[in-house]
Amino acid sequence: MIHYRIRISIILLLGLVSASPAQRQMENLTRGIVAVKQADGGVYVGWRLFGTDPEIVTFNLYRISGSGEPVKVNERPIAGATNYIDRGADTNQPLRYFVRPVLNGKELAPSKPVSPWENNYLEIPIKPISEYRPGDASIADLDGDGEYEIVLHQTSRPRDNSFPGITGTPIFDAYKMDGTLMWRINLGINIRDGEHYTQFMVYDLDGDGRAEMACKTADGTTDGTGKVIGDKDKDWRTIKEGDRTHGRILNGPEYFTIFDGQTGRALKTVDYIPSRYPIDGWGGIGGNGGNDSYGNRCDRFLACVAYLDGQRPSVVMCRGVYGRIVMAAWDWRNGQLTSRWVFDSGSSYPPFEDASPYSGMGGHSLSVADVDNDGKDEIVYHSMVVDDNGKGLYSTGLRHGDSMHISDMYPDRPGMEVFTIHENENDTVRFKTPGASMHDARTGELLWTQSPGIDVGRGMAADIDPRHRGYEAWGGPGGLRDSHGNEIGPNPRSNSFVIWWDGDPLRELLSRSAVNKWNWKTGTEETLFETAARGGTRGPNIMGDFIGDWREEPPVTTPGGKALRLYTTTIPTAHPTHTLIHDPQ
């Protein structure tokens, strides 16, 4: 079985199965079978290969035409890649498909039959809210049936932390794939809306087969059953037109809540760790090397789910990126929410001479990976790594940045690598930090750097050119770079998302609403597919391997914001691997 190590920038959740007590719990999925009618009259069918499937497993594909009996489509069991084009289907009558695994010559239980889609997308209606638009999402098995539901952040007048202003209240909806609204949670006026504020983790944290949602809450948060958390009448917003604090929440209690995924009911609420105070204690040598007392740096949040003990998931809530950095790891077990550990780099003030080596090393994204190969996850927080025990593993000293990617990028060297993009602004230009760099994920050893003192805003690492072993990287001045940092040609303009879409193991480029293929011969991007869903205004709500075989799907919002479209590839592939959801990286 071919296994591609990957990085997925989202958090996913489902029921759990465990092959042995010493192994990680894995999501209990259905086969996720999908069928799509083709323009030539055939039907494309794809399904999941589980991470728990033995390598010798094969499959039989069955078609049901109208009210007839199931007919096996394939002449011999399907081995390798889990997709098939049914050329013998009569697409003018109702059709259904299911697969049966075959092990040692014996057929096992069938998957749930599905009907073919007319197009290569599933349209999922949602409940629009006046003056709101659909934002980021997470995919989860909320009710324990092995199939995904969607948790969608509906956002209104969001603000970046650097800007004042009154926002709407963050709202979270849970939808089944047919558009059924399961619940709605309103975080209330005391949680500001914006991508840096509203981190929500959706995962089966306690192993009961159903996901929970975890996020920061406040006075006035209303759960999915209508129950209010804290004081429903409190308004902690700063109302001061023309001031940098206008619209911010700089006082009042901060909570952390675990919500039931099936009902949206608040299961447990505790004080959020850490508090925002001191508000001017979150500056440092990261970013532009500054500080503030109006609530910008103190309210930069990130979050993740990590297997810190190597077996069960913990949720890690993070605060701070430019200076002080605090991570609080929580365990949700048997109805109890307990603190596992807290990492705190500590406050420092200009000129930041006493700053911790971990201060200012955060970025606008994080990843989770077992960088030291001990079976337990570490938190890769841009230019630093925190070990599974909550202790700092290392800091590269390269400071804050906007983009980061971690994977086993180079097959000719052991372990994983981290590609980081860095800010160089104002007071920090004097450090001549590289605008882009590649380092060893376990030790922090620098492998190559480029663009010293340059403020680089975006960058990407992915395998897009088959002529060079391993990943290519691009971002900032210069072109596409190989494993040694050498320029090997021009680089793509797209540097936001990559996706596995066509039939080969190279990544494709996802730019807003288009999937593009990098043509390494001409040094240009060629469009494979365009969703035409958002009109080019925003990228996907989320992206990952949600249905079908191992390749990825990007749900996007339709024009008008009344539905999500979950697009899937129908390009056959001969490259087999298990569903990416069963890959712990």
Protein backbone atom coordinates (compact mmCIF):
# COMPACT_ATOMS: atom_id res chain seq x y z
CA MET A 1 0.00 0.00 0.00
CA ILE A 2 1.38 3.40 -0.93
CA HIS A 3 1.27 5.82 1.98
CA TYR A 4 1.69 9.54 1.42
CA ARG A 5 2.51 11.55 4.53
CA ILE A 6 0.40 14.68 4.50
CA ARG A 7 -0.44 17.86 6.32
CA ILE A 8 -4.11 18.70 6.82
CA SER A 9 -4.85 22.25 8.13
CA ILE A 10 -8.07 21.34 9.75
CA ILE A 11 -9.27 19.37 12.73
CA LEU A 12 -11.60 16.43 12.17
CA LEU A 13 -13.54 14.17 14.45
CA LEU A 14 -15.55 10.97 14.56
CA GLY A 15 -16.23 7.80 16.50
CA LEU A 16 -13.23 5.76 17.50
CA VAL A 17 -11.92 2.25 17.05
CA SER A 18 -8.64 0.99 18.44
CA ALA A 19 -6.64 -1.89 17.02
CA SER A 20 -4.85 -2.40 20.35
CA PRO A 21 -4.55 -0.54 23.66
CA ALA A 22 -1.10 0.72 22.69
CA GLN A 23 -2.26 2.34 19.47
CA ARG A 24 -4.07 5.58 18.76
CA GLN A 25 -7.82 5.55 18.60
CA MET A 26 -8.98 5.90 15.02
CA GLU A 27 -12.18 7.28 13.59
CA ASN A 28 -14.99 4.80 13.00
CA LEU A 29 -16.05 5.63 9.45
CA THR A 30 -18.39 4.27 6.86
CA ARG A 31 -16.95 3.54 3.42
CA GLY A 32 -17.98 7.05 2.34
CA ILE A 33 -19.00 5.70 -1.06
CA VAL A 34 -19.79 8.34 -3.69
CA ALA A 35 -21.15 7.84 -7.22
CA VAL A 36 -21.27 10.50 -9.93
CA LYS A 37 -22.80 10.29 -13.41
CA GLN A 38 -20.35 10.96 -16.24
CA ALA A 39 -20.88 12.91 -19.44
CA ASP A 40 -20.13 9.80 -21.51
CA GLY A 41 -22.90 7.82 -19.82
CA GLY A 42 -20.78 5.92 -17.28
CA VAL A 43 -20.80 6.30 -13.51
CA TYR A 44 -17.71 7.05 -11.42
CA VAL A 45 -17.71 5.31 -8.00
CA GLY A 46 -15.18 5.88 -5.21
CA TRP A 47 -14.94 4.66 -1.61
CA ARG A 48 -12.64 4.68 1.41
CA LEU A 49 -9.83 2.31 2.18
CA PHE A 50 -9.55 2.29 5.98
CA GLY A 51 -6.28 2.64 7.81
CA THR A 52 -7.32 -0.54 9.64
CA ASP A 53 -7.88 -2.53 6.42
CA PRO A 54 -5.33 -5.30 5.79
CA GLU A 55 -3.22 -4.82 2.69
CA ILE A 56 -4.73 -7.91 1.07
CA VAL A 57 -8.30 -6.56 1.15
CA THR A 58 -10.10 -6.24 -2.20
CA PHE A 59 -13.62 -5.10 -3.10
CA ASN A 60 -16.65 -6.06 -5.13
CA LEU A 61 -18.82 -3.25 -6.48
CA TYR A 62 -22.57 -3.80 -6.89
CA ARG A 63 -25.16 -1.87 -8.88
CA ILE A 64 -28.93 -1.87 -8.24
CA SER A 65 -30.95 -0.73 -11.26
CA GLY A 66 -34.49 0.39 -10.46
CA SER A 67 -36.17 -2.24 -8.28
CA GLY A 68 -33.92 -5.02 -9.54
CA GLU A 69 -31.51 -7.26 -7.66
CA PRO A 70 -27.88 -6.21 -7.02
CA VAL A 71 -25.53 -7.00 -9.90
CA LYS A 72 -21.78 -7.26 -9.41
CA VAL A 73 -20.11 -4.74 -11.72
CA ASN A 74 -16.51 -5.98 -11.66
CA GLU A 75 -15.36 -9.28 -13.18
CA ARG A 76 -12.63 -9.86 -10.57
CA PRO A 77 -12.20 -8.27 -7.13
CA ILE A 78 -10.99 -4.66 -7.28
CA ALA A 79 -7.49 -4.40 -5.84
CA GLY A 80 -5.38 -1.31 -5.22
CA ALA A 81 -7.08 2.02 -5.82
CA THR A 82 -10.64 2.25 -4.50
CA ASN A 83 -12.41 3.80 -7.50
CA TYR A 84 -14.12 2.35 -10.54
CA ILE A 85 -15.89 3.56 -13.70
CA ASP A 86 -19.07 1.58 -14.37
CA ARG A 87 -19.46 1.64 -18.16
CA GLY A 88 -22.46 -0.70 -18.22
CA ALA A 89 -24.93 1.40 -16.25
CA ASP A 90 -28.22 2.58 -17.74
CA THR A 91 -28.22 6.11 -16.34
CA ASN A 92 -31.79 6.73 -17.56
CA GLN A 93 -33.20 4.70 -14.67
CA PRO A 94 -32.68 4.98 -10.89
CA LEU A 95 -29.36 3.52 -9.77
CA ARG A 96 -27.74 2.66 -6.45
CA TYR A 97 -24.26 1.40 -5.65
CA PHE A 98 -22.59 -0.36 -2.73
CA VAL A 99 -19.30 -2.16 -2.13
CA ARG A 100 -18.41 -5.30 -0.19
CA PRO A 101 -14.88 -5.87 1.11
CA VAL A 102 -13.37 -9.24 0.17
CA LEU A 103 -10.94 -10.89 2.56
CA ASN A 104 -9.50 -14.36 2.02
CA GLY A 105 -12.08 -14.99 -0.69
CA LYS A 106 -15.05 -14.13 1.57
CA GLU A 107 -17.30 -11.10 1.10
CA LEU A 108 -17.85 -8.99 4.20
CA ALA A 109 -20.71 -6.67 5.14
CA PRO A 110 -21.86 -4.27 2.41
CA SER A 111 -21.64 -0.51 2.57
CA LYS A 112 -24.76 1.64 2.63
CA PRO A 113 -26.15 1.99 -0.93
CA VAL A 114 -25.93 5.45 -2.49
CA SER A 115 -27.52 7.03 -5.54
CA PRO A 116 -25.35 8.76 -8.17
CA TRP A 117 -25.05 12.54 -8.14
CA GLU A 118 -26.10 14.30 -11.34
CA ASN A 119 -23.09 16.62 -11.04
CA ASN A 120 -19.73 16.31 -9.31
CA TYR A 121 -20.99 18.09 -6.22
CA LEU A 122 -23.47 17.61 -3.40
CA GLU A 123 -25.46 20.75 -2.65
CA ILE A 124 -26.11 21.07 1.08
CA PRO A 125 -28.77 23.71 1.89
CA ILE A 126 -28.10 25.85 4.95
CA LYS A 127 -30.17 28.33 6.98
CA PRO A 128 -29.03 31.83 5.96
CA ILE A 129 -28.94 34.55 8.61
CA SER A 130 -29.57 38.18 7.70
CA GLU A 131 -26.29 40.17 7.58
CA TYR A 132 -24.25 36.97 8.03
CA ARG A 133 -22.18 34.90 5.61
CA PRO A 134 -20.89 31.32 5.87
CA GLY A 135 -17.28 31.18 7.04
CA ASP A 136 -14.94 28.39 8.10
CA ALA A 137 -16.25 24.91 8.85
CA SER A 138 -15.30 21.59 10.41
CA ILE A 139 -16.41 18.09 9.46
CA ALA A 140 -17.47 15.71 12.22
CA ASP A 141 -19.52 12.66 13.09
CA LEU A 142 -21.79 14.35 15.59
CA ASP A 143 -24.32 11.55 16.09
CA GLY A 144 -22.11 8.45 15.97
CA ASP A 145 -23.34 6.89 12.72
CA GLY A 146 -19.93 6.98 11.01
CA GLU A 147 -21.03 9.65 8.55
CA TYR A 148 -20.03 13.28 8.57
CA GLU A 149 -21.94 16.33 9.62
CA ILE A 150 -20.76 19.93 9.12
CA VAL A 151 -20.19 22.53 11.83
CA LEU A 152 -20.30 25.93 10.11
CA HIS A 153 -19.20 29.28 11.51
CA GLN A 154 -21.67 31.94 10.37
CA THR A 155 -19.94 35.29 10.62
CA SER A 156 -21.10 38.92 10.68
CA ARG A 157 -18.95 42.05 10.34
CA PRO A 158 -15.78 40.23 11.44
CA ARG A 159 -12.72 42.25 12.38
CA ASP A 160 -9.03 41.56 12.32
CA ASN A 161 -7.58 42.20 15.78
CA SER A 162 -5.64 45.21 14.55
CA PHE A 163 -8.86 47.09 13.72
CA PRO A 164 -11.51 48.47 16.10
CA GLY A 165 -15.23 48.15 15.54
CA ILE A 166 -18.39 46.38 16.67
CA THR A 167 -18.82 42.91 15.16
CA GLY A 168 -21.76 40.57 14.96
CA THR A 169 -22.00 37.65 17.34
CA PRO A 170 -20.30 34.42 16.19
CA ILE A 171 -22.86 31.73 15.36
CA PHE A 172 -22.20 28.02 14.84
CA ASP A 173 -24.59 25.73 12.97
CA ALA A 174 -24.47 21.94 12.75
CA TYR A 175 -25.88 20.46 9.53
CA LYS A 176 -26.42 16.95 8.29
CA MET A 177 -25.41 16.38 4.69
CA ASP A 178 -29.04 16.73 3.56
CA GLY A 179 -29.20 20.22 5.07
CA THR A 180 -31.03 19.30 8.28
CA LEU A 181 -30.11 21.81 10.98
CA MET A 182 -29.16 19.90 14.12
CA TRP A 183 -28.46 22.89 16.38
CA ARG A 184 -27.36 26.52 16.50
CA ILE A 185 -24.98 28.00 19.09
CA ASN A 186 -24.67 31.79 19.47
CA LEU A 187 -21.50 32.85 21.29
CA GLY A 188 -23.07 36.21 22.16
CA ILE A 189 -21.93 39.84 22.20
CA ASN A 190 -18.99 39.19 24.55
CA ILE A 191 -17.09 37.12 21.98
CA ARG A 192 -15.78 39.30 19.15
CA ASP A 193 -16.16 37.84 15.66
CA GLY A 194 -13.10 37.32 13.49
CA GLU A 195 -10.71 34.62 12.31
CA HIS A 196 -8.16 35.37 15.05
CA TYR A 197 -10.78 35.13 17.81
CA THR A 198 -13.13 32.26 17.13
CA GLN A 199 -11.21 28.99 17.22
CA PHE A 200 -13.53 25.98 17.44
CA MET A 201 -12.36 22.39 17.74
CA VAL A 202 -14.74 19.58 16.78
CA TYR A 203 -13.53 16.09 17.71
CA ASP A 204 -14.55 12.96 19.61
CA LEU A 205 -12.57 13.87 22.70
CA ASP A 206 -13.90 11.19 25.07
CA GLY A 207 -14.05 8.19 22.74
CA ASP A 208 -17.81 7.58 22.93
CA GLY A 209 -18.16 7.62 19.13
CA ARG A 210 -19.75 11.09 18.97
CA ALA A 211 -17.91 14.37 18.54
CA GLU A 212 -17.88 17.32 20.87
CA MET A 213 -17.26 20.99 20.04
CA ALA A 214 -14.87 23.00 22.21
CA CYS A 215 -14.38 26.77 22.09
CA LYS A 216 -13.98 29.96 24.08
CA THR A 217 -17.27 31.32 25.47
CA ALA A 218 -18.42 34.26 27.61
CA ASP A 219 -21.37 35.77 29.44
CA GLY A 220 -24.39 35.49 27.16
CA THR A 221 -23.31 32.49 25.08
CA THR A 222 -26.43 30.49 24.21
CA ASP A 223 -26.03 26.76 23.63
CA GLY A 224 -27.92 24.56 21.17
CA THR A 225 -30.76 23.96 23.62
CA GLY A 226 -31.32 27.65 24.43
CA LYS A 227 -29.46 27.61 27.76
CA VAL A 228 -27.39 30.71 28.50
CA ILE A 229 -23.86 30.49 29.91
CA GLY A 230 -22.95 33.06 32.57
CA ASP A 231 -24.82 36.37 32.95
CA LYS A 232 -27.18 36.87 30.02
CA ASP A 233 -27.49 40.63 30.69
CA LYS A 234 -23.80 41.56 30.80
CA ASP A 235 -22.30 43.64 28.00
CA TRP A 236 -18.51 43.78 28.37
CA ARG A 237 -17.84 45.49 25.05
CA THR A 238 -15.86 48.74 25.02
CA ILE A 239 -17.98 51.41 23.35
CA LYS A 240 -15.69 54.32 22.54
CA GLU A 241 -16.09 55.60 18.98
CA GLY A 242 -12.86 56.82 17.42
CA ASP A 243 -10.68 54.94 19.93
CA ARG A 244 -8.59 51.84 19.15
CA THR A 245 -10.41 49.95 21.91
CA HIS A 246 -13.86 50.48 20.34
CA GLY A 247 -15.71 47.19 20.01
CA ARG A 248 -13.15 45.12 21.90
CA ILE A 249 -13.85 43.01 24.99
CA LEU A 250 -11.14 43.88 27.52
CA ASN A 251 -13.03 43.06 30.73
CA GLY A 252 -15.31 40.37 32.06
CA PRO A 253 -15.00 36.63 32.54
CA GLU A 254 -13.68 34.30 29.82
CA TYR A 255 -14.85 30.70 29.69
CA PHE A 256 -13.95 27.45 27.94
CA THR A 257 -16.90 25.19 27.10
CA ILE A 258 -17.36 21.64 25.85
CA PHE A 259 -20.57 21.25 23.81
CA ASP A 260 -22.37 18.01 22.97
CA GLY A 261 -22.07 17.41 19.24
CA GLN A 262 -25.49 15.86 18.78
CA THR A 263 -27.55 18.50 20.59
CA GLY A 264 -25.29 21.52 21.01
CA ARG A 265 -25.88 21.40 24.75
CA ALA A 266 -23.16 22.89 26.94
CA LEU A 267 -21.67 19.95 28.87
CA LYS A 268 -19.02 21.71 30.94
CA THR A 269 -17.83 25.30 31.32
CA VAL A 270 -14.66 26.38 33.16
CA ASP A 271 -12.52 29.51 33.29
CA TYR A 272 -10.47 30.03 30.15
CA ILE A 273 -6.72 29.55 30.55
CA PRO A 274 -5.01 31.96 30.37
CA SER A 275 -6.80 35.22 31.10
CA ARG A 276 -6.12 38.28 28.94
CA TYR A 277 -4.22 40.05 31.68
CA PRO A 278 -1.95 41.93 31.62
CA ILE A 279 -3.32 43.28 28.34
CA ASP A 280 0.03 44.93 27.58
CA GLY A 281 1.95 41.76 28.42
CA TRP A 282 1.64 40.02 25.04
CA GLY A 283 4.19 41.97 22.99
CA GLY A 284 7.63 40.79 22.00
CA ILE A 285 10.19 40.36 19.26
CA GLY A 286 7.78 38.62 16.90
CA GLY A 287 5.94 40.37 14.07
CA ASN A 288 6.91 44.04 14.09
CA GLY A 289 8.51 43.70 17.52
CA GLY A 290 5.99 45.93 19.21
CA ASN A 291 3.47 45.93 22.03
CA ASP A 292 0.01 47.36 22.68
CA SER A 293 -2.46 48.04 25.47
CA TYR A 294 -5.64 48.21 23.37
CA GLY A 295 -6.30 44.48 22.97
CA ASN A 296 -4.67 43.44 19.70
CA ARG A 297 -1.91 41.06 20.76
CA CYS A 298 -3.71 39.66 23.81
CA ASP A 299 -6.57 38.33 21.68
CA ARG A 300 -4.73 36.28 19.07
CA PHE A 301 -5.99 32.70 19.40
CA LEU A 302 -5.20 29.32 17.85
CA ALA A 303 -6.27 25.79 18.78
CA CYS A 304 -5.69 22.15 17.89
CA VAL A 305 -6.34 18.55 18.87
CA ALA A 306 -3.32 16.37 19.69
CA TYR A 307 -2.69 12.86 20.97
CA LEU A 308 -0.41 13.98 23.79
CA ASP A 309 -0.35 10.55 25.46
CA GLY A 310 -0.11 8.73 22.14
CA GLN A 311 -3.51 7.08 22.57
CA ARG A 312 -6.31 9.57 23.25
CA PRO A 313 -6.97 13.11 22.00
CA SER A 314 -6.56 16.28 24.01
CA VAL A 315 -7.71 19.76 22.98
CA VAL A 316 -5.11 22.53 23.17
CA MET A 317 -6.27 26.15 23.34
CA CYS A 318 -3.58 28.71 22.48
CA ARG A 319 -3.25 32.45 23.06
CA GLY A 320 -0.62 34.81 21.69
CA VAL A 321 1.65 34.81 18.63
CA TYR A 322 3.71 38.02 18.59
CA GLY A 323 5.23 37.83 22.07
CA ARG A 324 3.92 35.89 25.06
CA ILE A 325 2.55 32.47 24.08
CA VAL A 326 0.35 30.30 26.29
CA MET A 327 -0.98 26.82 25.44
CA ALA A 328 -3.49 25.07 27.69
CA ALA A 329 -4.03 21.34 27.12
CA TRP A 330 -7.35 19.86 28.30
CA ASP A 331 -8.69 16.31 28.60
CA TRP A 332 -12.43 15.54 28.31
CA ARG A 333 -12.92 12.11 29.89
CA ASN A 334 -16.04 10.53 31.44
CA GLY A 335 -17.85 13.84 31.76
CA GLN A 336 -14.88 15.53 33.45
CA LEU A 337 -12.79 18.36 32.01
CA THR A 338 -9.28 18.44 33.45
CA SER A 339 -6.19 20.51 32.76
CA ARG A 340 -3.32 18.35 31.47
CA TRP A 341 -0.66 21.08 31.35
CA VAL A 342 -0.09 24.77 30.63
CA PHE A 343 2.87 26.13 28.66
CA ASP A 344 3.60 29.84 29.20
CA SER A 345 6.53 31.71 27.64
CA GLY A 346 5.93 34.61 30.04
CA SER A 347 5.48 38.34 29.55
CA SER A 348 8.25 40.70 28.51
CA TYR A 349 8.42 44.41 27.79
CA PRO A 350 10.47 46.62 25.46
CA PRO A 351 13.30 46.25 24.65
CA PHE A 352 12.43 42.57 25.38
CA GLU A 353 15.96 41.71 26.50
CA ASP A 354 14.61 39.29 29.12
CA ALA A 355 12.23 37.55 26.73
CA SER A 356 12.00 33.77 26.73
CA PRO A 357 13.50 32.06 23.66
CA TYR A 358 9.94 30.91 22.96
CA SER A 359 8.51 34.45 23.05
CA GLY A 360 7.45 35.84 19.69
CA MET A 361 7.89 32.54 17.86
CA GLY A 362 4.23 31.95 17.06
CA GLY A 363 2.51 32.29 13.71
CA HIS A 364 -0.97 32.57 12.27
CA SER A 365 -1.27 28.81 12.02
CA LEU A 366 -0.04 25.75 13.88
CA SER A 367 0.29 22.04 13.21
CA VAL A 368 0.35 18.83 15.20
CA ALA A 369 2.97 16.17 14.50
CA ASP A 370 5.03 13.51 16.26
CA VAL A 371 8.32 15.22 15.43
CA ASP A 372 10.51 13.07 17.72
CA ASN A 373 8.93 9.74 16.74
CA ASP A 374 8.00 8.72 20.29
CA GLY A 375 4.38 7.98 19.42
CA LYS A 376 3.12 11.20 21.06
CA ASP A 377 2.22 14.46 19.38
CA GLU A 378 4.03 17.76 19.63
CA ILE A 379 2.61 21.22 18.93
CA VAL A 380 4.47 22.87 16.06
CA TYR A 381 3.88 26.56 16.72
CA HIS A 382 5.61 28.13 13.72
CA SER A 383 9.19 28.84 14.88
CA MET A 384 8.99 26.70 18.01
CA VAL A 385 7.85 23.26 19.15
CA VAL A 386 6.26 22.29 22.48
CA ASP A 387 6.72 18.67 23.51
CA ASP A 388 3.88 16.30 24.41
CA ASN A 389 4.53 17.00 28.12
CA GLY A 390 4.02 20.75 27.78
CA LYS A 391 7.72 21.61 27.92
CA GLY A 392 9.50 23.56 25.21
CA LEU A 393 11.32 21.19 22.85
CA TYR A 394 13.17 23.85 20.87
CA SER A 395 12.96 27.35 19.40
CA THR A 396 14.56 28.23 16.08
CA GLY A 397 14.69 31.90 17.06
CA LEU A 398 13.31 32.85 13.64
CA ARG A 399 10.31 34.66 15.11
CA HIS A 400 6.76 35.22 13.93
CA GLY A 401 5.33 34.51 10.47
CA ASP A 402 2.22 34.07 8.40
CA SER A 403 2.52 30.58 6.93
CA MET A 404 3.93 27.18 7.90
CA HIS A 405 3.91 23.64 6.51
CA ILE A 406 5.21 20.42 8.05
CA SER A 407 5.55 17.02 6.42
CA ASP A 408 8.11 14.38 5.48
CA MET A 409 9.07 16.57 2.55
CA TYR A 410 12.43 15.09 1.61
CA PRO A 411 12.69 11.29 1.22
CA ASP A 412 16.51 11.41 1.18
CA ARG A 413 16.80 12.57 4.80
CA PRO A 414 15.22 11.08 7.95
CA GLY A 415 12.25 12.61 9.72
CA MET A 416 10.05 15.55 8.85
CA GLU A 417 10.79 19.10 7.78
CA VAL A 418 9.11 22.45 8.53
CA PHE A 419 8.81 25.25 5.96
CA THR A 420 8.14 28.67 7.51
CA ILE A 421 7.40 32.15 6.16
CA HIS A 422 8.47 35.10 8.35
CA GLU A 423 7.57 38.74 8.91
CA ASN A 424 10.31 41.38 8.94
CA GLU A 425 8.79 44.72 9.82
CA ASN A 426 9.67 47.89 11.70
CA ASP A 427 11.87 47.08 14.71
CA THR A 428 12.58 43.51 13.58
CA VAL A 429 14.16 44.20 10.18
CA ARG A 430 17.49 44.65 11.98
CA PHE A 431 17.49 40.94 12.90
CA LYS A 432 17.71 39.98 9.21
CA THR A 433 15.53 36.96 9.86
CA PRO A 434 15.09 34.90 6.67
CA GLY A 435 11.81 35.60 4.93
CA ALA A 436 11.53 31.87 4.23
CA SER A 437 13.33 28.90 5.72
CA MET A 438 13.34 25.11 5.95
CA HIS A 439 14.33 23.33 9.16
CA ASP A 440 14.43 19.86 10.69
CA ALA A 441 11.17 19.21 12.56
CA ARG A 442 12.81 17.26 15.41
CA THR A 443 15.79 19.47 16.20
CA GLY A 444 15.14 22.86 14.60
CA GLU A 445 18.36 22.61 12.58
CA LEU A 446 18.22 25.03 9.65
CA LEU A 447 18.46 23.28 6.29
CA TRP A 448 18.27 26.36 4.07
CA THR A 449 17.10 29.97 4.22
CA GLN A 450 16.35 32.80 1.81
CA SER A 451 15.43 36.50 1.71
CA PRO A 452 17.04 37.84 4.91
CA GLY A 453 15.23 40.88 6.28
CA ILE A 454 12.40 40.59 3.73
CA ASP A 455 8.77 40.57 4.92
CA VAL A 456 7.27 37.54 3.16
CA GLY A 457 3.50 37.24 3.45
CA ARG A 458 2.74 33.83 1.93
CA GLY A 459 4.47 30.62 0.98
CA MET A 460 3.77 27.00 0.15
CA ALA A 461 5.52 23.63 0.15
CA ALA A 462 4.22 20.68 -1.88
CA ASP A 463 5.36 18.07 -4.37
CA ILE A 464 4.36 19.62 -7.70
CA ASP A 465 7.35 18.81 -9.96
CA PRO A 466 8.21 15.11 -10.60
CA ARG A 467 11.70 15.94 -11.87
CA HIS A 468 12.98 16.64 -8.34
CA ARG A 469 12.74 14.29 -5.35
CA GLY A 470 10.56 15.47 -2.52
CA TYR A 471 8.65 18.68 -2.09
CA GLU A 472 9.19 21.99 -3.79
CA ALA A 473 8.80 25.25 -1.85
CA TRP A 474 8.00 28.79 -2.93
CA GLY A 475 7.27 32.18 -1.38
CA GLY A 476 8.95 35.56 -1.39
CA PRO A 477 11.65 36.65 -3.88
CA GLY A 478 12.94 33.99 -6.24
CA GLY A 479 11.35 31.00 -7.88
CA LEU A 480 10.56 27.39 -7.09
CA ARG A 481 13.13 25.76 -4.80
CA ASP A 482 14.27 22.17 -4.38
CA SER A 483 15.28 20.24 -1.25
CA HIS A 484 18.56 22.17 -1.00
CA GLY A 485 16.94 25.59 -1.45
CA ASN A 486 18.21 25.93 -5.01
CA GLU A 487 16.03 27.68 -7.56
CA ILE A 488 14.81 25.24 -10.20
CA GLY A 489 12.48 27.48 -12.21
CA PRO A 490 9.53 29.87 -11.92
CA ASN A 491 7.01 29.37 -9.16
CA PRO A 492 3.19 29.26 -9.22
CA ARG A 493 1.23 32.40 -8.39
CA SER A 494 -1.08 30.28 -6.22
CA ASN A 495 0.27 29.89 -2.70
CA SER A 496 -2.79 29.50 -0.46
CA PHE A 497 -3.94 25.87 -0.69
CA VAL A 498 -2.87 22.62 -2.34
CA ILE A 499 -5.10 19.62 -2.97
CA TRP A 500 -4.94 16.04 -4.24
CA TRP A 501 -7.45 16.10 -7.10
CA ASP A 502 -6.32 14.28 -10.25
CA GLY A 503 -4.99 10.75 -10.63
CA ASP A 504 -1.29 11.21 -9.83
CA PRO A 505 0.41 11.60 -6.43
CA LEU A 506 1.46 15.23 -7.11
CA ARG A 507 -0.50 18.01 -5.46
CA GLU A 508 -2.67 20.41 -7.39
CA LEU A 509 -3.13 24.11 -6.58
CA LEU A 510 -6.43 25.34 -5.13
CA SER A 511 -6.80 29.05 -5.81
CA ARG A 512 -10.10 30.51 -4.64
CA SER A 513 -12.61 28.53 -6.72
CA ALA A 514 -10.27 26.81 -9.21
CA VAL A 515 -8.15 23.65 -9.13
CA ASN A 516 -5.00 24.25 -11.16
CA LYS A 517 -2.24 21.90 -12.30
CA TRP A 518 1.36 23.10 -12.31
CA ASN A 519 2.90 22.50 -15.72
CA TRP A 520 6.59 22.09 -14.88
CA LYS A 521 7.52 22.08 -18.56
CA THR A 522 6.10 25.54 -19.30
CA GLY A 523 6.18 26.99 -15.77
CA THR A 524 2.49 27.85 -15.85
CA GLU A 525 -0.73 26.93 -14.06
CA GLU A 526 -3.40 25.12 -16.07
CA THR A 527 -6.98 24.98 -14.83
CA LEU A 528 -8.34 21.46 -14.32
CA PHE A 529 -11.63 22.42 -12.74
CA GLU A 530 -13.51 25.51 -11.60
CA THR A 531 -16.30 25.48 -9.05
CA ALA A 532 -17.85 28.83 -10.04
CA ALA A 533 -19.44 28.81 -6.60
CA ARG A 534 -18.07 31.85 -4.82
CA GLY A 535 -17.37 33.99 -7.84
CA GLY A 536 -13.71 34.03 -6.86
CA THR A 537 -14.27 35.93 -3.60
CA ARG A 538 -12.99 33.38 -1.10
CA GLY A 539 -11.44 29.96 -0.85
CA PRO A 540 -13.07 26.79 0.51
CA ASN A 541 -14.84 26.68 3.88
CA ILE A 542 -12.62 23.71 4.66
CA MET A 543 -10.72 21.07 2.68
CA GLY A 544 -9.90 17.44 3.28
CA ASP A 545 -10.63 13.81 2.42
CA PHE A 546 -14.30 13.67 3.40
CA ILE A 547 -15.81 11.14 0.97
CA GLY A 548 -14.73 8.65 -1.67
CA ASP A 549 -11.11 7.55 -1.96
CA TRP A 550 -8.05 9.32 -0.51
CA ARG A 551 -8.29 12.45 -2.61
CA GLU A 552 -9.59 15.70 -1.18
CA GLU A 553 -12.82 17.67 -1.42
CA PRO A 554 -13.33 21.46 -1.03
CA PRO A 555 -16.78 22.52 0.24
CA VAL A 556 -17.49 26.06 -0.97
CA THR A 557 -20.36 28.49 -0.46
CA THR A 558 -22.78 29.00 -3.33
CA PRO A 559 -23.54 32.49 -4.66
CA GLY A 560 -26.10 34.02 -2.34
CA GLY A 561 -24.90 31.99 0.64
CA LYS A 562 -27.86 29.59 0.79
CA ALA A 563 -25.94 26.34 0.42
CA LEU A 564 -22.56 24.64 0.53
CA ARG A 565 -21.34 22.59 -2.42
CA LEU A 566 -19.13 19.62 -1.60
CA TYR A 567 -17.14 18.97 -4.79
CA THR A 568 -15.45 15.65 -5.55
CA THR A 569 -13.07 14.53 -8.26
CA THR A 570 -14.22 11.93 -10.78
CA ILE A 571 -10.80 11.38 -12.34
CA PRO A 572 -9.77 7.71 -12.04
CA THR A 573 -6.54 6.97 -10.20
CA ALA A 574 -4.37 3.87 -10.00
CA HIS A 575 -2.56 5.10 -6.88
CA PRO A 576 -3.91 3.45 -3.72
CA THR A 577 -3.69 4.67 -0.15
CA HIS A 578 -5.99 4.66 2.84
CA THR A 579 -8.27 7.58 3.63
CA LEU A 580 -6.27 10.59 4.75
CA ILE A 581 -8.54 10.87 7.78
CA HIS A 582 -6.87 7.72 9.14
CA ASP A 583 -3.40 9.27 8.75
CA PRO A 584 -2.37 10.67 12.17
CA GLN A 585 -0.16 13.31 10.53
